[in-house]
Amino acid sequence: MKDKRWIVLVISGLLTAGGVWSAQDRAERPLLTLESIFAGRDFAPERFGPARWMRDGESYTTLEPNAALKGGRDIALYRADSGKRDVLVPAPKLVPGGASAPLAID
Protein backbone atom coordinates (compact mmCIF):
# COMPACT_ATOMS: atom_id res chain seq x y z
CA MET A 1 0.00 0.00 0.00
CA LYS A 2 2.85 2.38 0.84
CA ASP A 3 4.43 1.70 -2.56
CA LYS A 4 1.26 2.84 -4.36
CA ARG A 5 1.14 6.07 -2.35
CA TRP A 6 4.79 6.72 -3.16
CA ILE A 7 4.17 6.23 -6.90
CA VAL A 8 1.12 8.52 -6.81
CA LEU A 9 3.15 11.16 -4.94
CA VAL A 10 6.01 11.01 -7.44
CA ILE A 11 3.67 11.18 -10.46
CA SER A 12 1.68 14.10 -9.03
CA GLY A 13 4.94 15.91 -8.24
CA LEU A 14 6.16 15.46 -11.79
CA LEU A 15 2.87 16.70 -13.20
CA THR A 16 2.95 19.76 -10.94
CA ALA A 17 6.56 20.53 -11.88
CA GLY A 18 5.65 20.20 -15.55
CA GLY A 19 2.88 22.73 -15.05
CA VAL A 20 5.29 25.21 -13.46
CA TRP A 21 7.73 24.93 -16.35
CA SER A 22 4.94 25.38 -18.86
CA ALA A 23 3.82 28.56 -17.12
CA GLN A 24 7.37 29.92 -17.28
CA ASP A 25 7.68 29.05 -20.95
CA ARG A 26 4.40 30.80 -21.72
CA ALA A 27 5.51 33.93 -19.85
CA GLU A 28 8.69 34.17 -21.94
CA ARG A 29 7.10 33.92 -25.38
CA PRO A 30 4.37 36.13 -26.86
CA LEU A 31 0.83 34.84 -26.76
CA LEU A 32 -0.80 33.50 -29.85
CA THR A 33 -4.16 35.22 -30.16
CA LEU A 34 -6.91 35.29 -32.75
CA GLU A 35 -6.00 38.90 -33.44
CA SER A 36 -2.35 38.04 -34.09
CA ILE A 37 -3.42 35.27 -36.46
CA PHE A 38 -6.05 37.14 -38.47
CA ALA A 39 -5.15 40.85 -38.15
CA GLY A 40 -1.41 40.52 -38.69
CA ARG A 41 0.51 39.28 -41.72
CA ASP A 42 2.53 36.63 -39.83
CA PHE A 43 0.31 33.78 -40.98
CA ALA A 44 -0.85 35.21 -44.29
CA PRO A 45 -0.10 33.09 -47.35
CA GLU A 46 2.03 34.47 -50.15
CA ARG A 47 -0.02 36.20 -52.78
CA PHE A 48 -0.25 34.85 -56.26
CA GLY A 49 -1.58 36.73 -59.17
CA PRO A 50 -3.61 38.06 -60.52
CA ALA A 51 -3.28 35.27 -63.06
CA ARG A 52 -4.97 35.22 -66.45
CA TRP A 53 -5.06 32.29 -68.87
CA MET A 54 -4.12 33.11 -72.42
CA ARG A 55 -6.44 32.20 -75.30
CA ASP A 56 -4.21 29.28 -76.29
CA GLY A 57 -5.14 27.58 -72.99
CA GLU A 58 -1.52 26.52 -72.58
CA SER A 59 -0.03 29.54 -70.83
CA TYR A 60 -0.96 32.23 -68.33
CA THR A 61 0.25 35.66 -67.26
CA THR A 62 0.79 36.97 -63.77
CA LEU A 63 2.34 39.94 -61.99
CA GLU A 64 5.63 39.45 -60.14
CA PRO A 65 7.83 41.80 -58.13
CA ASN A 66 10.68 43.34 -60.11
CA ALA A 67 14.06 43.06 -58.36
CA ALA A 68 15.43 46.32 -59.78
CA LEU A 69 12.42 48.64 -59.42
CA LYS A 70 11.04 48.98 -55.90
CA GLY A 71 7.26 48.60 -55.96
CA GLY A 72 7.33 47.63 -59.63
CA ARG A 73 5.91 44.41 -61.00
CA ASP A 74 6.69 42.58 -64.21
CA ILE A 75 4.04 40.98 -66.38
CA ALA A 76 5.32 37.41 -66.72
CA LEU A 77 4.13 34.61 -68.99
CA TYR A 78 4.33 30.97 -67.88
CA ARG A 79 3.95 27.92 -70.09
CA ALA A 80 1.77 25.44 -68.19
CA ASP A 81 3.37 22.31 -69.64
CA SER A 82 7.01 23.23 -68.95
CA GLY A 83 6.84 26.01 -66.36
CA LYS A 84 9.02 28.14 -68.66
CA ARG A 85 8.89 31.81 -67.67
CA ASP A 86 9.19 34.81 -69.98
CA VAL A 87 8.86 38.45 -68.96
CA LEU A 88 6.40 40.03 -71.38
CA VAL A 89 6.56 43.54 -69.92
CA PRO A 90 9.27 44.50 -67.41
CA ALA A 91 8.26 46.89 -64.63
CA PRO A 92 10.39 49.82 -65.87
CA LYS A 93 8.28 49.85 -69.07
CA LEU A 94 5.20 50.42 -66.90
CA VAL A 95 6.50 53.75 -65.57
CA PRO A 96 4.63 56.54 -67.39
CA GLY A 97 6.70 59.25 -69.07
CA GLY A 98 7.64 61.95 -66.59
CA ALA A 99 6.74 59.78 -63.58
CA SER A 100 9.19 58.33 -61.11
CA ALA A 101 7.07 55.41 -59.89
CA PRO A 102 5.49 52.47 -61.71
CA LEU A 103 1.78 52.20 -62.32
CA ALA A 104 -0.05 50.82 -59.29
CA ILE A 105 -1.76 47.54 -60.15
CA ASP A 106 -3.79 45.86 -57.42
C-alpha atoms as a PDB file:
ATOM      1  CA  MET A   1       0.000   0.000   0.000  1.00  0.00           C
ATOM      2  CA  LYS A   2       2.854   2.385   0.836  1.00  0.00           C
ATOM      3  CA  ASP A   3       4.432   1.695  -2.564  1.00  0.00           C
ATOM      4  CA  LYS A   4       1.264   2.841  -4.359  1.00  0.00           C
ATOM      5  CA  ARG A   5       1.141   6.066  -2.353  1.00  0.00           C
ATOM      6  CA  TRP A   6       4.788   6.722  -3.157  1.00  0.00           C
ATOM      7  CA  ILE A   7       4.173   6.231  -6.899  1.00  0.00           C
ATOM      8  CA  VAL A   8       1.123   8.521  -6.810  1.00  0.00           C
ATOM      9  CA  LEU A   9       3.145  11.157  -4.941  1.00  0.00           C
ATOM     10  CA  VAL A  10       6.013  11.010  -7.438  1.00  0.00           C
ATOM     11  CA  ILE A  11       3.672  11.184 -10.456  1.00  0.00           C
ATOM     12  CA  SER A  12       1.682  14.100  -9.035  1.00  0.00           C
ATOM     13  CA  GLY A  13       4.943  15.913  -8.237  1.00  0.00           C
ATOM     14  CA  LEU A  14       6.157  15.455 -11.793  1.00  0.00           C
ATOM     15  CA  LEU A  15       2.867  16.704 -13.201  1.00  0.00           C
ATOM     16  CA  THR A  16       2.951  19.757 -10.939  1.00  0.00           C
ATOM     17  CA  ALA A  17       6.557  20.530 -11.881  1.00  0.00           C
ATOM     18  CA  GLY A  18       5.652  20.204 -15.548  1.00  0.00           C
ATOM     19  CA  GLY A  19       2.877  22.733 -15.050  1.00  0.00           C
ATOM     20  CA  VAL A  20       5.293  25.205 -13.458  1.00  0.00           C
ATOM     21  CA  TRP A  21       7.730  24.926 -16.348  1.00  0.00           C
ATOM     22  CA  SER A  22       4.938  25.376 -18.860  1.00  0.00           C
ATOM     23  CA  ALA A  23       3.824  28.563 -17.124  1.00  0.00           C
ATOM     24  CA  GLN A  24       7.373  29.921 -17.280  1.00  0.00           C
ATOM     25  CA  ASP A  25       7.679  29.051 -20.951  1.00  0.00           C
ATOM     26  CA  ARG A  26       4.399  30.797 -21.719  1.00  0.00           C
ATOM     27  CA  ALA A  27       5.513  33.929 -19.846  1.00  0.00           C
ATOM     28  CA  GLU A  28       8.692  34.167 -21.942  1.00  0.00           C
ATOM     29  CA  ARG A  29       7.096  33.921 -25.375  1.00  0.00           C
ATOM     30  CA  PRO A  30       4.371  36.132 -26.864  1.00  0.00           C
ATOM     31  CA  LEU A  31       0.832  34.840 -26.757  1.00  0.00           C
ATOM     32  CA  LEU A  32      -0.797  33.501 -29.850  1.00  0.00           C
ATOM     33  CA  THR A  33      -4.164  35.219 -30.159  1.00  0.00           C
ATOM     34  CA  LEU A  34      -6.912  35.288 -32.752  1.00  0.00           C
ATOM     35  CA  GLU A  35      -6.003  38.900 -33.439  1.00  0.00           C
ATOM     36  CA  SER A  36      -2.349  38.039 -34.089  1.00  0.00           C
ATOM     37  CA  ILE A  37      -3.417  35.272 -36.463  1.00  0.00           C
ATOM     38  CA  PHE A  38      -6.051  37.141 -38.467  1.00  0.00           C
ATOM     39  CA  ALA A  39      -5.151  40.847 -38.150  1.00  0.00           C
ATOM     40  CA  GLY A  40      -1.409  40.516 -38.693  1.00  0.00           C
ATOM     41  CA  ARG A  41       0.509  39.280 -41.717  1.00  0.00           C
ATOM     42  CA  ASP A  42       2.533  36.630 -39.825  1.00  0.00           C
ATOM     43  CA  PHE A  43       0.313  33.779 -40.980  1.00  0.00           C
ATOM     44  CA  ALA A  44      -0.852  35.208 -44.295  1.00  0.00           C
ATOM     45  CA  PRO A  45      -0.101  33.087 -47.350  1.00  0.00           C
ATOM     46  CA  GLU A  46       2.031  34.466 -50.147  1.00  0.00           C
ATOM     47  CA  ARG A  47      -0.018  36.200 -52.777  1.00  0.00           C
ATOM     48  CA  PHE A  48      -0.248  34.845 -56.255  1.00  0.00           C
ATOM     49  CA  GLY A  49      -1.585  36.735 -59.170  1.00  0.00           C
ATOM     50  CA  PRO A  50      -3.611  38.063 -60.517  1.00  0.00           C
ATOM     51  CA  ALA A  51      -3.276  35.269 -63.064  1.00  0.00           C
ATOM     52  CA  ARG A  52      -4.965  35.217 -66.449  1.00  0.00           C
ATOM     53  CA  TRP A  53      -5.064  32.294 -68.866  1.00  0.00           C
ATOM     54  CA  MET A  54      -4.124  33.113 -72.424  1.00  0.00           C
ATOM     55  CA  ARG A  55      -6.439  32.198 -75.298  1.00  0.00           C
ATOM     56  CA  ASP A  56      -4.213  29.279 -76.290  1.00  0.00           C
ATOM     57  CA  GLY A  57      -5.141  27.577 -72.990  1.00  0.00           C
ATOM     58  CA  GLU A  58      -1.518  26.524 -72.579  1.00  0.00           C
ATOM     59  CA  SER A  59      -0.027  29.545 -70.830  1.00  0.00           C
ATOM     60  CA  TYR A  60      -0.962  32.229 -68.328  1.00  0.00           C
ATOM     61  CA  THR A  61       0.249  35.659 -67.257  1.00  0.00           C
ATOM     62  CA  THR A  62       0.787  36.968 -63.772  1.00  0.00           C
ATOM     63  CA  LEU A  63       2.341  39.936 -61.986  1.00  0.00           C
ATOM     64  CA  GLU A  64       5.625  39.448 -60.137  1.00  0.00           C
ATOM     65  CA  PRO A  65       7.833  41.803 -58.135  1.00  0.00           C
ATOM     66  CA  ASN A  66      10.680  43.339 -60.106  1.00  0.00           C
ATOM     67  CA  ALA A  67      14.057  43.062 -58.364  1.00  0.00           C
ATOM     68  CA  ALA A  68      15.433  46.316 -59.783  1.00  0.00           C
ATOM     69  CA  LEU A  69      12.423  48.638 -59.416  1.00  0.00           C
ATOM     70  CA  LYS A  70      11.041  48.977 -55.902  1.00  0.00           C
ATOM     71  CA  GLY A  71       7.265  48.601 -55.961  1.00  0.00           C
ATOM     72  CA  GLY A  72       7.330  47.634 -59.627  1.00  0.00           C
ATOM     73  CA  ARG A  73       5.913  44.407 -60.998  1.00  0.00           C
ATOM     74  CA  ASP A  74       6.694  42.583 -64.214  1.00  0.00           C
ATOM     75  CA  ILE A  75       4.036  40.978 -66.378  1.00  0.00           C
ATOM     76  CA  ALA A  76       5.319  37.413 -66.724  1.00  0.00           C
ATOM     77  CA  LEU A  77       4.132  34.608 -68.995  1.00  0.00           C
ATOM     78  CA  TYR A  78       4.328  30.969 -67.880  1.00  0.00           C
ATOM     79  CA  ARG A  79       3.946  27.917 -70.092  1.00  0.00           C
ATOM     80  CA  ALA A  80       1.772  25.438 -68.187  1.00  0.00           C
ATOM     81  CA  ASP A  81       3.372  22.307 -69.638  1.00  0.00           C
ATOM     82  CA  SER A  82       7.006  23.225 -68.950  1.00  0.00           C
ATOM     83  CA  GLY A  83       6.842  26.006 -66.356  1.00  0.00           C
ATOM     84  CA  LYS A  84       9.021  28.138 -68.656  1.00  0.00           C
ATOM     85  CA  ARG A  85       8.892  31.811 -67.674  1.00  0.00           C
ATOM     86  CA  ASP A  86       9.188  34.808 -69.982  1.00  0.00           C
ATOM     87  CA  VAL A  87       8.855  38.448 -68.961  1.00  0.00           C
ATOM     88  CA  LEU A  88       6.402  40.033 -71.378  1.00  0.00           C
ATOM     89  CA  VAL A  89       6.565  43.542 -69.924  1.00  0.00           C
ATOM     90  CA  PRO A  90       9.267  44.499 -67.406  1.00  0.00           C
ATOM     91  CA  ALA A  91       8.256  46.890 -64.627  1.00  0.00           C
ATOM     92  CA  PRO A  92      10.385  49.823 -65.865  1.00  0.00           C
ATOM     93  CA  LYS A  93       8.282  49.852 -69.069  1.00  0.00           C
ATOM     94  CA  LEU A  94       5.197  50.424 -66.903  1.00  0.00           C
ATOM     95  CA  VAL A  95       6.497  53.751 -65.572  1.00  0.00           C
ATOM     96  CA  PRO A  96       4.626  56.543 -67.388  1.00  0.00           C
ATOM     97  CA  GLY A  97       6.695  59.247 -69.073  1.00  0.00           C
ATOM     98  CA  GLY A  98       7.645  61.947 -66.588  1.00  0.00           C
ATOM     99  CA  ALA A  99       6.740  59.781 -63.576  1.00  0.00           C
ATOM    100  CA  SER A 100       9.193  58.328 -61.109  1.00  0.00           C
ATOM    101  CA  ALA A 101       7.068  55.411 -59.892  1.00  0.00           C
ATOM    102  CA  PRO A 102       5.494  52.472 -61.707  1.00  0.00           C
ATOM    103  CA  LEU A 103       1.779  52.195 -62.319  1.00  0.00           C
ATOM    104  CA  ALA A 104      -0.054  50.817 -59.290  1.00  0.00           C
ATOM    105  CA  ILE A 105      -1.763  47.542 -60.154  1.00  0.00           C
ATOM    106  CA  ASP A 106      -3.790  45.864 -57.423  1.00  0.00           C
END
